[in-house]
Amino acid sequence: MEDPTDTLVPKPSPPKIVQVVKDYGNRLFRFIRGRVGSDEDAEDILQEVWYQLSHSVNIEEIEQISGWLYRVARNKIVDKHRKKKPDSLGDHLHGEDGEFSIKAILLADDHDPETEYLKEIFWQELFVALEELPENQRRVFVENELENKTLQQIADESGEKLKTIISRKGYAVKHLRRRLETLYHEFLSY
């Protein structure tokens, strides 16, 4: 006889979780690994992401699973970096070439609440701006900047010319810089 309480408690669908792990596991690990000091740290953070996913109220209610996974991973990375020595936000606003760096802003370790708030807004606006891009430009930007693939790797995997991939990345960066410029200047004012 079936236990009537089984129907009262919603249970997460294990096959859905398994499929998410299969679909995103490697990419998410590469994303995390590019931002932490060791494979062990990356594996620990990835485990924390899977743990949080498995304890979500209902996976089916997460509209964009990839965005959710990357957001949780970023938060876990930030938490890990907070445990290390604090850096000033000014050290992170520009890339090696002295230009405005989206990645540098989003991964800054400043502990100031206002800066944390601006970073959160910046992440949200980045995802909105990414959705405005054509799929092929968005894919190149995400794989290169967030998943740490080289442009050559992307070209090889897609079977497209490297110049095409470079061009798509360039268009994506121009759009994102133009779209996020106001927030960038707000960042500079703090």
N, C-alpha and C. Protein backbone atom coordinates (compact mmCIF):
# COMPACT_ATOMS: atom_id res chain seq x y z
N MET A 1 0.84 -1.18 0.00
CA MET A 1 0.00 0.00 0.00
C MET A 1 0.88 1.24 0.00
N GLU A 2 0.48 2.25 -0.76
CA GLU A 2 1.27 3.48 -0.90
C GLU A 2 1.09 4.37 0.32
N ASP A 3 2.17 4.97 0.77
CA ASP A 3 2.15 5.87 1.92
C ASP A 3 1.56 7.21 1.47
N PRO A 4 0.43 7.67 2.07
CA PRO A 4 -0.21 8.92 1.64
C PRO A 4 0.65 10.15 1.89
N THR A 5 1.60 10.10 2.82
CA THR A 5 2.45 11.28 3.08
C THR A 5 3.45 11.51 1.96
N ASP A 6 3.71 10.48 1.13
CA ASP A 6 4.64 10.64 0.01
C ASP A 6 4.14 11.68 -0.98
N THR A 7 2.85 11.82 -1.11
CA THR A 7 2.32 12.78 -2.08
C THR A 7 2.26 14.19 -1.53
N LEU A 8 2.39 14.34 -0.22
CA LEU A 8 2.31 15.66 0.38
C LEU A 8 3.62 16.43 0.33
N VAL A 9 4.74 15.75 0.34
CA VAL A 9 6.04 16.40 0.38
C VAL A 9 6.66 16.37 -1.01
N PRO A 10 6.82 17.56 -1.65
CA PRO A 10 7.42 17.55 -2.98
C PRO A 10 8.90 17.16 -2.88
N LYS A 11 9.31 16.26 -3.75
CA LYS A 11 10.69 15.81 -3.75
C LYS A 11 11.35 16.28 -5.05
N PRO A 12 12.60 16.72 -4.96
CA PRO A 12 13.27 17.12 -6.19
C PRO A 12 13.46 15.91 -7.09
N SER A 13 13.41 16.16 -8.36
CA SER A 13 13.56 15.09 -9.33
C SER A 13 15.04 14.79 -9.55
N PRO A 14 15.55 13.69 -8.99
CA PRO A 14 16.97 13.37 -9.15
C PRO A 14 17.43 13.37 -10.60
N PRO A 15 16.64 12.85 -11.55
CA PRO A 15 17.13 12.88 -12.93
C PRO A 15 17.39 14.30 -13.43
N LYS A 16 16.61 15.27 -12.99
CA LYS A 16 16.82 16.66 -13.40
C LYS A 16 18.16 17.16 -12.87
N ILE A 17 18.46 16.88 -11.61
CA ILE A 17 19.73 17.30 -11.01
C ILE A 17 20.89 16.62 -11.73
N VAL A 18 20.74 15.32 -11.98
CA VAL A 18 21.80 14.58 -12.67
C VAL A 18 22.05 15.18 -14.05
N GLN A 19 20.99 15.53 -14.74
CA GLN A 19 21.14 16.11 -16.08
C GLN A 19 21.81 17.48 -16.02
N VAL A 20 21.47 18.28 -15.03
CA VAL A 20 22.10 19.59 -14.86
C VAL A 20 23.60 19.42 -14.59
N VAL A 21 23.95 18.48 -13.74
CA VAL A 21 25.36 18.23 -13.45
C VAL A 21 26.09 17.80 -14.72
N LYS A 22 25.49 16.93 -15.50
CA LYS A 22 26.10 16.48 -16.76
C LYS A 22 26.26 17.65 -17.73
N ASP A 23 25.21 18.47 -17.84
CA ASP A 23 25.22 19.56 -18.81
C ASP A 23 26.19 20.68 -18.45
N TYR A 24 26.33 20.98 -17.16
CA TYR A 24 27.09 22.17 -16.76
C TYR A 24 28.34 21.89 -15.95
N GLY A 25 28.56 20.65 -15.54
CA GLY A 25 29.66 20.32 -14.63
C GLY A 25 31.02 20.78 -15.10
N ASN A 26 31.42 20.40 -16.31
CA ASN A 26 32.76 20.75 -16.81
C ASN A 26 32.93 22.24 -17.02
N ARG A 27 31.94 22.87 -17.64
CA ARG A 27 32.04 24.32 -17.88
C ARG A 27 32.09 25.09 -16.58
N LEU A 28 31.27 24.69 -15.64
CA LEU A 28 31.23 25.39 -14.36
C LEU A 28 32.55 25.20 -13.61
N PHE A 29 33.11 23.99 -13.68
CA PHE A 29 34.40 23.76 -13.04
C PHE A 29 35.47 24.67 -13.66
N ARG A 30 35.52 24.76 -14.99
CA ARG A 30 36.51 25.63 -15.65
C ARG A 30 36.31 27.09 -15.26
N PHE A 31 35.06 27.51 -15.17
CA PHE A 31 34.75 28.88 -14.76
C PHE A 31 35.30 29.15 -13.36
N ILE A 32 35.03 28.24 -12.45
CA ILE A 32 35.48 28.41 -11.06
C ILE A 32 37.00 28.31 -10.99
N ARG A 33 37.57 27.34 -11.67
CA ARG A 33 39.02 27.11 -11.61
C ARG A 33 39.80 28.33 -12.08
N GLY A 34 39.26 29.05 -13.04
CA GLY A 34 39.92 30.25 -13.53
C GLY A 34 39.95 31.39 -12.53
N ARG A 35 39.23 31.25 -11.43
CA ARG A 35 39.11 32.33 -10.47
C ARG A 35 39.60 31.98 -9.08
N VAL A 36 40.06 30.75 -8.90
CA VAL A 36 40.59 30.34 -7.60
C VAL A 36 41.99 29.77 -7.77
N GLY A 37 42.68 29.57 -6.66
CA GLY A 37 44.09 29.21 -6.70
C GLY A 37 44.43 27.77 -7.00
N SER A 38 43.50 26.83 -6.86
CA SER A 38 43.86 25.43 -7.04
C SER A 38 42.65 24.62 -7.50
N ASP A 39 42.95 23.42 -8.01
CA ASP A 39 41.87 22.50 -8.39
C ASP A 39 41.03 22.12 -7.18
N GLU A 40 41.70 21.96 -6.03
CA GLU A 40 40.98 21.57 -4.81
C GLU A 40 39.97 22.64 -4.41
N ASP A 41 40.38 23.91 -4.48
CA ASP A 41 39.45 24.99 -4.15
C ASP A 41 38.28 25.00 -5.13
N ALA A 42 38.59 24.80 -6.41
CA ALA A 42 37.53 24.79 -7.43
C ALA A 42 36.56 23.64 -7.18
N GLU A 43 37.10 22.47 -6.85
CA GLU A 43 36.24 21.32 -6.57
C GLU A 43 35.36 21.56 -5.35
N ASP A 44 35.93 22.18 -4.31
CA ASP A 44 35.15 22.50 -3.11
C ASP A 44 34.00 23.44 -3.44
N ILE A 45 34.30 24.47 -4.20
CA ILE A 45 33.26 25.45 -4.55
C ILE A 45 32.20 24.79 -5.43
N LEU A 46 32.63 23.97 -6.38
CA LEU A 46 31.66 23.28 -7.24
C LEU A 46 30.75 22.38 -6.41
N GLN A 47 31.31 21.70 -5.42
CA GLN A 47 30.50 20.87 -4.53
C GLN A 47 29.47 21.72 -3.79
N GLU A 48 29.88 22.91 -3.36
CA GLU A 48 28.95 23.80 -2.67
C GLU A 48 27.82 24.24 -3.60
N VAL A 49 28.14 24.47 -4.86
CA VAL A 49 27.10 24.85 -5.84
C VAL A 49 26.11 23.70 -6.00
N TRP A 50 26.63 22.47 -6.18
CA TRP A 50 25.73 21.31 -6.35
C TRP A 50 24.90 21.09 -5.08
N TYR A 51 25.52 21.29 -3.92
CA TYR A 51 24.79 21.14 -2.67
C TYR A 51 23.63 22.14 -2.61
N GLN A 52 23.91 23.39 -2.95
CA GLN A 52 22.87 24.40 -2.91
C GLN A 52 21.77 24.08 -3.93
N LEU A 53 22.16 23.59 -5.10
CA LEU A 53 21.16 23.21 -6.11
C LEU A 53 20.29 22.07 -5.59
N SER A 54 20.91 21.08 -4.96
CA SER A 54 20.15 19.93 -4.48
C SER A 54 19.20 20.30 -3.35
N HIS A 55 19.47 21.41 -2.68
CA HIS A 55 18.61 21.84 -1.58
C HIS A 55 17.69 22.99 -1.97
N SER A 56 17.61 23.28 -3.26
CA SER A 56 16.67 24.30 -3.73
C SER A 56 15.26 23.76 -3.53
N VAL A 57 14.35 24.66 -3.27
CA VAL A 57 12.98 24.25 -3.02
C VAL A 57 12.44 23.46 -4.20
N ASN A 58 12.60 24.01 -5.41
CA ASN A 58 12.10 23.34 -6.60
C ASN A 58 12.95 23.76 -7.80
N ILE A 59 13.71 22.84 -8.31
CA ILE A 59 14.59 23.14 -9.45
C ILE A 59 13.78 23.61 -10.64
N GLU A 60 12.59 23.08 -10.81
CA GLU A 60 11.75 23.44 -11.96
C GLU A 60 11.39 24.92 -11.96
N GLU A 61 11.43 25.58 -10.79
CA GLU A 61 11.08 27.00 -10.71
C GLU A 61 12.23 27.91 -11.10
N ILE A 62 13.44 27.39 -11.24
CA ILE A 62 14.59 28.19 -11.65
C ILE A 62 14.47 28.41 -13.15
N GLU A 63 14.23 29.67 -13.54
CA GLU A 63 13.96 29.97 -14.94
C GLU A 63 15.16 29.73 -15.83
N GLN A 64 16.32 30.22 -15.44
CA GLN A 64 17.52 30.06 -16.25
C GLN A 64 18.58 29.39 -15.39
N ILE A 65 18.65 28.08 -15.54
CA ILE A 65 19.52 27.29 -14.67
C ILE A 65 20.98 27.70 -14.82
N SER A 66 21.43 28.00 -16.03
CA SER A 66 22.84 28.36 -16.21
C SER A 66 23.15 29.67 -15.47
N GLY A 67 22.29 30.65 -15.59
CA GLY A 67 22.50 31.91 -14.88
C GLY A 67 22.50 31.70 -13.37
N TRP A 68 21.60 30.86 -12.90
CA TRP A 68 21.53 30.56 -11.46
C TRP A 68 22.82 29.90 -11.01
N LEU A 69 23.30 28.90 -11.74
CA LEU A 69 24.52 28.18 -11.37
C LEU A 69 25.73 29.11 -11.33
N TYR A 70 25.88 29.96 -12.36
CA TYR A 70 27.03 30.86 -12.40
C TYR A 70 26.94 31.92 -11.30
N ARG A 71 25.73 32.37 -10.99
CA ARG A 71 25.57 33.35 -9.92
C ARG A 71 25.95 32.74 -8.57
N VAL A 72 25.50 31.51 -8.31
CA VAL A 72 25.85 30.83 -7.07
C VAL A 72 27.36 30.61 -7.02
N ALA A 73 27.95 30.18 -8.13
CA ALA A 73 29.40 29.95 -8.17
C ALA A 73 30.16 31.24 -7.89
N ARG A 74 29.73 32.35 -8.53
CA ARG A 74 30.39 33.65 -8.28
C ARG A 74 30.29 34.03 -6.82
N ASN A 75 29.13 33.84 -6.23
CA ASN A 75 28.96 34.17 -4.82
C ASN A 75 29.88 33.33 -3.95
N LYS A 76 30.01 32.06 -4.26
CA LYS A 76 30.89 31.17 -3.49
C LYS A 76 32.35 31.58 -3.67
N ILE A 77 32.71 31.99 -4.89
CA ILE A 77 34.08 32.45 -5.16
C ILE A 77 34.36 33.72 -4.36
N VAL A 78 33.40 34.64 -4.38
CA VAL A 78 33.56 35.89 -3.62
C VAL A 78 33.71 35.57 -2.14
N ASP A 79 32.88 34.66 -1.63
CA ASP A 79 33.00 34.27 -0.22
C ASP A 79 34.39 33.73 0.09
N LYS A 80 34.91 32.91 -0.80
CA LYS A 80 36.24 32.34 -0.61
C LYS A 80 37.30 33.44 -0.61
N HIS A 81 37.17 34.39 -1.55
CA HIS A 81 38.14 35.48 -1.63
C HIS A 81 38.07 36.40 -0.41
N ARG A 82 36.90 36.52 0.16
CA ARG A 82 36.75 37.37 1.35
C ARG A 82 37.56 36.85 2.52
N LYS A 83 37.75 35.56 2.54
CA LYS A 83 38.52 34.96 3.63
C LYS A 83 40.00 35.25 3.49
N LYS A 84 40.40 35.69 2.29
CA LYS A 84 41.81 36.03 2.06
C LYS A 84 42.00 37.51 2.32
N LYS A 85 43.22 38.00 2.10
CA LYS A 85 43.52 39.40 2.37
C LYS A 85 42.67 40.33 1.48
N PRO A 86 42.15 41.39 2.04
CA PRO A 86 41.34 42.31 1.25
C PRO A 86 42.19 43.14 0.31
N ASP A 87 41.67 43.37 -0.88
CA ASP A 87 42.31 44.24 -1.86
C ASP A 87 41.43 45.47 -2.02
N SER A 88 42.03 46.52 -2.53
CA SER A 88 41.21 47.71 -2.75
C SER A 88 40.54 47.61 -4.12
N LEU A 89 39.35 48.13 -4.23
CA LEU A 89 38.61 48.09 -5.47
C LEU A 89 39.37 48.80 -6.58
N GLY A 90 40.07 49.84 -6.27
CA GLY A 90 40.82 50.57 -7.28
C GLY A 90 41.84 49.72 -8.00
N ASP A 91 42.35 48.69 -7.35
CA ASP A 91 43.31 47.80 -7.98
C ASP A 91 42.67 46.91 -9.04
N HIS A 92 41.36 46.82 -9.05
CA HIS A 92 40.69 45.87 -9.93
C HIS A 92 39.90 46.51 -11.07
N LEU A 93 39.79 47.80 -11.12
CA LEU A 93 38.92 48.41 -12.11
C LEU A 93 39.45 48.37 -13.53
N HIS A 94 40.73 48.22 -13.67
CA HIS A 94 41.31 48.22 -15.00
C HIS A 94 42.09 46.94 -15.24
N GLY A 95 42.08 46.51 -16.49
CA GLY A 95 42.84 45.33 -16.88
C GLY A 95 44.31 45.65 -16.97
N GLU A 96 45.08 44.67 -17.44
CA GLU A 96 46.52 44.83 -17.56
C GLU A 96 46.88 45.96 -18.52
N ASP A 97 46.02 46.19 -19.51
CA ASP A 97 46.30 47.24 -20.48
C ASP A 97 45.84 48.62 -20.02
N GLY A 98 45.33 48.73 -18.81
CA GLY A 98 44.88 50.01 -18.26
C GLY A 98 43.47 50.38 -18.65
N GLU A 99 42.81 49.55 -19.47
CA GLU A 99 41.45 49.84 -19.90
C GLU A 99 40.43 49.30 -18.90
N PHE A 100 39.22 49.81 -19.04
CA PHE A 100 38.07 49.34 -18.28
C PHE A 100 37.94 47.83 -18.47
N SER A 101 37.87 47.09 -17.37
CA SER A 101 37.79 45.63 -17.44
C SER A 101 36.53 45.15 -16.73
N ILE A 102 35.61 44.61 -17.50
CA ILE A 102 34.37 44.08 -16.94
C ILE A 102 34.69 43.00 -15.92
N LYS A 103 35.56 42.08 -16.30
CA LYS A 103 35.92 40.96 -15.42
C LYS A 103 36.51 41.48 -14.11
N ALA A 104 37.38 42.49 -14.20
CA ALA A 104 38.02 43.02 -13.01
C ALA A 104 36.99 43.61 -12.04
N ILE A 105 36.01 44.30 -12.58
CA ILE A 105 34.98 44.89 -11.72
C ILE A 105 34.15 43.80 -11.05
N LEU A 106 33.74 42.83 -11.84
CA LEU A 106 32.84 41.81 -11.32
C LEU A 106 33.50 40.90 -10.30
N LEU A 107 34.82 40.79 -10.34
CA LEU A 107 35.51 39.92 -9.41
C LEU A 107 36.27 40.68 -8.33
N ALA A 108 36.05 41.98 -8.23
CA ALA A 108 36.73 42.78 -7.21
C ALA A 108 36.39 42.25 -5.83
N ASP A 109 37.37 42.32 -4.92
CA ASP A 109 37.20 41.77 -3.57
C ASP A 109 36.92 42.81 -2.50
N ASP A 110 36.54 44.00 -2.86
CA ASP A 110 36.31 45.06 -1.89
C ASP A 110 35.14 44.66 -1.00
N HIS A 111 35.27 44.90 0.29
CA HIS A 111 34.24 44.47 1.25
C HIS A 111 33.27 45.57 1.63
N ASP A 112 33.39 46.72 1.04
CA ASP A 112 32.51 47.83 1.33
C ASP A 112 31.09 47.48 0.88
N PRO A 113 30.07 47.69 1.72
CA PRO A 113 28.70 47.33 1.36
C PRO A 113 28.19 48.04 0.10
N GLU A 114 28.57 49.29 -0.07
CA GLU A 114 28.13 50.01 -1.27
C GLU A 114 28.73 49.40 -2.52
N THR A 115 29.99 49.02 -2.45
CA THR A 115 30.64 48.41 -3.59
C THR A 115 30.03 47.05 -3.88
N GLU A 116 29.74 46.29 -2.82
CA GLU A 116 29.10 44.99 -3.01
C GLU A 116 27.75 45.17 -3.70
N TYR A 117 27.01 46.19 -3.30
CA TYR A 117 25.72 46.47 -3.92
C TYR A 117 25.90 46.82 -5.39
N LEU A 118 26.88 47.68 -5.70
CA LEU A 118 27.14 48.05 -7.09
C LEU A 118 27.57 46.83 -7.91
N LYS A 119 28.38 45.97 -7.33
CA LYS A 119 28.79 44.77 -8.05
C LYS A 119 27.58 43.90 -8.38
N GLU A 120 26.68 43.75 -7.43
CA GLU A 120 25.49 42.95 -7.67
C GLU A 120 24.66 43.55 -8.81
N ILE A 121 24.50 44.86 -8.78
CA ILE A 121 23.78 45.53 -9.87
C ILE A 121 24.51 45.32 -11.19
N PHE A 122 25.84 45.44 -11.14
CA PHE A 122 26.65 45.28 -12.34
C PHE A 122 26.46 43.87 -12.92
N TRP A 123 26.46 42.84 -12.06
CA TRP A 123 26.24 41.47 -12.53
C TRP A 123 24.87 41.35 -13.20
N GLN A 124 23.85 41.92 -12.56
CA GLN A 124 22.50 41.84 -13.11
C GLN A 124 22.44 42.52 -14.48
N GLU A 125 23.03 43.71 -14.56
CA GLU A 125 23.02 44.45 -15.82
C GLU A 125 23.85 43.73 -16.89
N LEU A 126 24.92 43.07 -16.48
CA LEU A 126 25.72 42.31 -17.43
C LEU A 126 24.88 41.23 -18.07
N PHE A 127 24.12 40.49 -17.28
CA PHE A 127 23.29 39.42 -17.83
C PHE A 127 22.19 39.97 -18.74
N VAL A 128 21.63 41.12 -18.38
CA VAL A 128 20.63 41.75 -19.25
C VAL A 128 21.29 42.14 -20.58
N ALA A 129 22.47 42.76 -20.49
CA ALA A 129 23.18 43.19 -21.69
C ALA A 129 23.61 42.00 -22.54
N LEU A 130 24.00 40.91 -21.90
CA LEU A 130 24.37 39.71 -22.65
C LEU A 130 23.19 39.16 -23.44
N GLU A 131 22.00 39.23 -22.84
CA GLU A 131 20.80 38.73 -23.53
C GLU A 131 20.47 39.57 -24.76
N GLU A 132 20.95 40.81 -24.82
CA GLU A 132 20.70 41.68 -25.97
C GLU A 132 21.58 41.32 -27.16
N LEU A 133 22.65 40.60 -26.91
CA LEU A 133 23.59 40.23 -27.97
C LEU A 133 23.04 39.11 -28.84
N PRO A 134 23.47 39.07 -30.10
CA PRO A 134 23.16 37.88 -30.90
C PRO A 134 23.78 36.65 -30.24
N GLU A 135 23.16 35.51 -30.41
CA GLU A 135 23.60 34.28 -29.75
C GLU A 135 25.08 33.99 -29.98
N ASN A 136 25.55 34.14 -31.21
CA ASN A 136 26.95 33.78 -31.49
C ASN A 136 27.93 34.71 -30.78
N GLN A 137 27.61 35.99 -30.63
CA GLN A 137 28.47 36.92 -29.89
C GLN A 137 28.42 36.62 -28.40
N ARG A 138 27.23 36.37 -27.89
CA ARG A 138 27.06 36.05 -26.47
C ARG A 138 27.85 34.79 -26.12
N ARG A 139 27.73 33.76 -26.94
CA ARG A 139 28.42 32.50 -26.70
C ARG A 139 29.94 32.70 -26.65
N VAL A 140 30.49 33.44 -27.59
CA VAL A 140 31.93 33.68 -27.61
C VAL A 140 32.36 34.44 -26.37
N PHE A 141 31.62 35.48 -25.99
CA PHE A 141 31.98 36.26 -24.81
C PHE A 141 31.93 35.40 -23.55
N VAL A 142 30.85 34.66 -23.36
CA VAL A 142 30.69 33.83 -22.16
C VAL A 142 31.78 32.77 -22.09
N GLU A 143 32.02 32.09 -23.21
CA GLU A 143 33.03 31.03 -23.19
C GLU A 143 34.42 31.59 -22.93
N ASN A 144 34.73 32.76 -23.50
CA ASN A 144 36.06 33.34 -23.33
C ASN A 144 36.23 33.99 -21.97
N GLU A 145 35.32 34.84 -21.58
CA GLU A 145 35.48 35.63 -20.36
C GLU A 145 35.03 34.90 -19.09
N LEU A 146 33.97 34.13 -19.18
CA LEU A 146 33.43 33.51 -17.98
C LEU A 146 33.86 32.06 -17.81
N GLU A 147 34.12 31.38 -18.93
CA GLU A 147 34.53 29.98 -18.85
C GLU A 147 36.02 29.81 -19.12
N ASN A 148 36.73 30.90 -19.39
CA ASN A 148 38.18 30.92 -19.59
C ASN A 148 38.68 30.07 -20.75
N LYS A 149 37.89 29.93 -21.79
CA LYS A 149 38.37 29.28 -23.00
C LYS A 149 39.12 30.31 -23.83
N THR A 150 40.15 29.86 -24.51
CA THR A 150 40.85 30.78 -25.41
C THR A 150 40.01 30.95 -26.67
N LEU A 151 40.25 32.05 -27.38
CA LEU A 151 39.53 32.28 -28.62
C LEU A 151 39.85 31.18 -29.63
N GLN A 152 41.08 30.68 -29.61
CA GLN A 152 41.46 29.59 -30.51
C GLN A 152 40.67 28.32 -30.18
N GLN A 153 40.49 28.03 -28.89
CA GLN A 153 39.71 26.85 -28.50
C GLN A 153 38.27 26.99 -28.99
N ILE A 154 37.72 28.18 -28.85
CA ILE A 154 36.34 28.41 -29.30
C ILE A 154 36.25 28.21 -30.80
N ALA A 155 37.21 28.74 -31.55
CA ALA A 155 37.23 28.58 -33.00
C ALA A 155 37.33 27.10 -33.38
N ASP A 156 38.21 26.39 -32.72
CA ASP A 156 38.39 24.96 -33.02
C ASP A 156 37.11 24.18 -32.73
N GLU A 157 36.48 24.45 -31.59
CA GLU A 157 35.27 23.73 -31.20
C GLU A 157 34.09 24.04 -32.12
N SER A 158 34.01 25.29 -32.57
CA SER A 158 32.88 25.69 -33.41
C SER A 158 33.13 25.44 -34.89
N GLY A 159 34.40 25.20 -35.26
CA GLY A 159 34.74 24.99 -36.67
C GLY A 159 34.75 26.28 -37.47
N GLU A 160 34.80 27.40 -36.77
CA GLU A 160 34.81 28.69 -37.45
C GLU A 160 36.22 29.29 -37.43
N LYS A 161 36.43 30.26 -38.29
CA LYS A 161 37.74 30.91 -38.37
C LYS A 161 38.00 31.73 -37.12
N LEU A 162 39.27 31.77 -36.71
CA LEU A 162 39.65 32.54 -35.54
C LEU A 162 39.29 34.01 -35.70
N LYS A 163 39.47 34.57 -36.89
CA LYS A 163 39.14 35.98 -37.12
C LYS A 163 37.66 36.24 -36.88
N THR A 164 36.81 35.29 -37.23
CA THR A 164 35.37 35.43 -36.99
C THR A 164 35.09 35.47 -35.49
N ILE A 165 35.74 34.59 -34.75
CA ILE A 165 35.55 34.52 -33.30
C ILE A 165 36.05 35.81 -32.65
N ILE A 166 37.23 36.29 -33.09
CA ILE A 166 37.78 37.55 -32.56
C ILE A 166 36.83 38.70 -32.84
N SER A 167 36.27 38.73 -34.03
CA SER A 167 35.34 39.80 -34.40
C SER A 167 34.08 39.76 -33.52
N ARG A 168 33.54 38.57 -33.31
CA ARG A 168 32.35 38.44 -32.47
C ARG A 168 32.63 38.89 -31.05
N LYS A 169 33.79 38.50 -30.53
CA LYS A 169 34.17 38.92 -29.18
C LYS A 169 34.28 40.44 -29.13
N GLY A 170 34.89 41.03 -30.16
CA GLY A 170 35.04 42.48 -30.20
C GLY A 170 33.71 43.20 -30.19
N TYR A 171 32.77 42.72 -31.01
CA TYR A 171 31.44 43.34 -31.04
C TYR A 171 30.74 43.20 -29.69
N ALA A 172 30.88 42.03 -29.07
CA ALA A 172 30.26 41.81 -27.77
C ALA A 172 30.84 42.76 -26.73
N VAL A 173 32.16 42.88 -26.69
CA VAL A 173 32.81 43.75 -25.71
C VAL A 173 32.39 45.20 -25.93
N LYS A 174 32.36 45.64 -27.18
CA LYS A 174 31.93 47.03 -27.47
C LYS A 174 30.51 47.27 -26.97
N HIS A 175 29.63 46.32 -27.25
CA HIS A 175 28.24 46.49 -26.79
C HIS A 175 28.17 46.54 -25.27
N LEU A 176 28.88 45.62 -24.62
CA LEU A 176 28.82 45.56 -23.16
C LEU A 176 29.44 46.80 -22.52
N ARG A 177 30.53 47.27 -23.06
CA ARG A 177 31.15 48.49 -22.52
C ARG A 177 30.22 49.68 -22.66
N ARG A 178 29.61 49.81 -23.85
CA ARG A 178 28.69 50.93 -24.08
C ARG A 178 27.49 50.81 -23.14
N ARG A 179 26.97 49.61 -23.01
CA ARG A 179 25.78 49.37 -22.20
C ARG A 179 26.04 49.54 -20.71
N LEU A 180 27.26 49.21 -20.26
CA LEU A 180 27.58 49.23 -18.83
C LEU A 180 28.40 50.44 -18.41
N GLU A 181 28.61 51.37 -19.33
CA GLU A 181 29.48 52.51 -19.05
C GLU A 181 29.01 53.34 -17.86
N THR A 182 27.72 53.58 -17.75
CA THR A 182 27.20 54.37 -16.64
C THR A 182 27.53 53.72 -15.30
N LEU A 183 27.28 52.43 -15.22
CA LEU A 183 27.61 51.73 -13.96
C LEU A 183 29.10 51.75 -13.69
N TYR A 184 29.89 51.64 -14.74
CA TYR A 184 31.34 51.70 -14.59
C TYR A 184 31.75 53.03 -13.97
N HIS A 185 31.18 54.13 -14.45
CA HIS A 185 31.53 55.45 -13.91
C HIS A 185 31.05 55.60 -12.45
N GLU A 186 29.93 54.97 -12.13
CA GLU A 186 29.48 54.96 -10.73
C GLU A 186 30.50 54.20 -9.87
N PHE A 187 31.02 53.13 -10.41
CA PHE A 187 32.05 52.37 -9.71
C PHE A 187 33.27 53.25 -9.43
N LEU A 188 33.66 54.01 -10.40
CA LEU A 188 34.85 54.87 -10.26
C LEU A 188 34.64 55.94 -9.21
N SER A 189 33.40 56.36 -9.02
CA SER A 189 33.14 57.45 -8.08
C SER A 189 33.19 56.97 -6.62
N TYR A 190 33.24 55.65 -6.38
CA TYR A 190 33.31 55.13 -5.01
C TYR A 190 34.72 54.94 -4.56
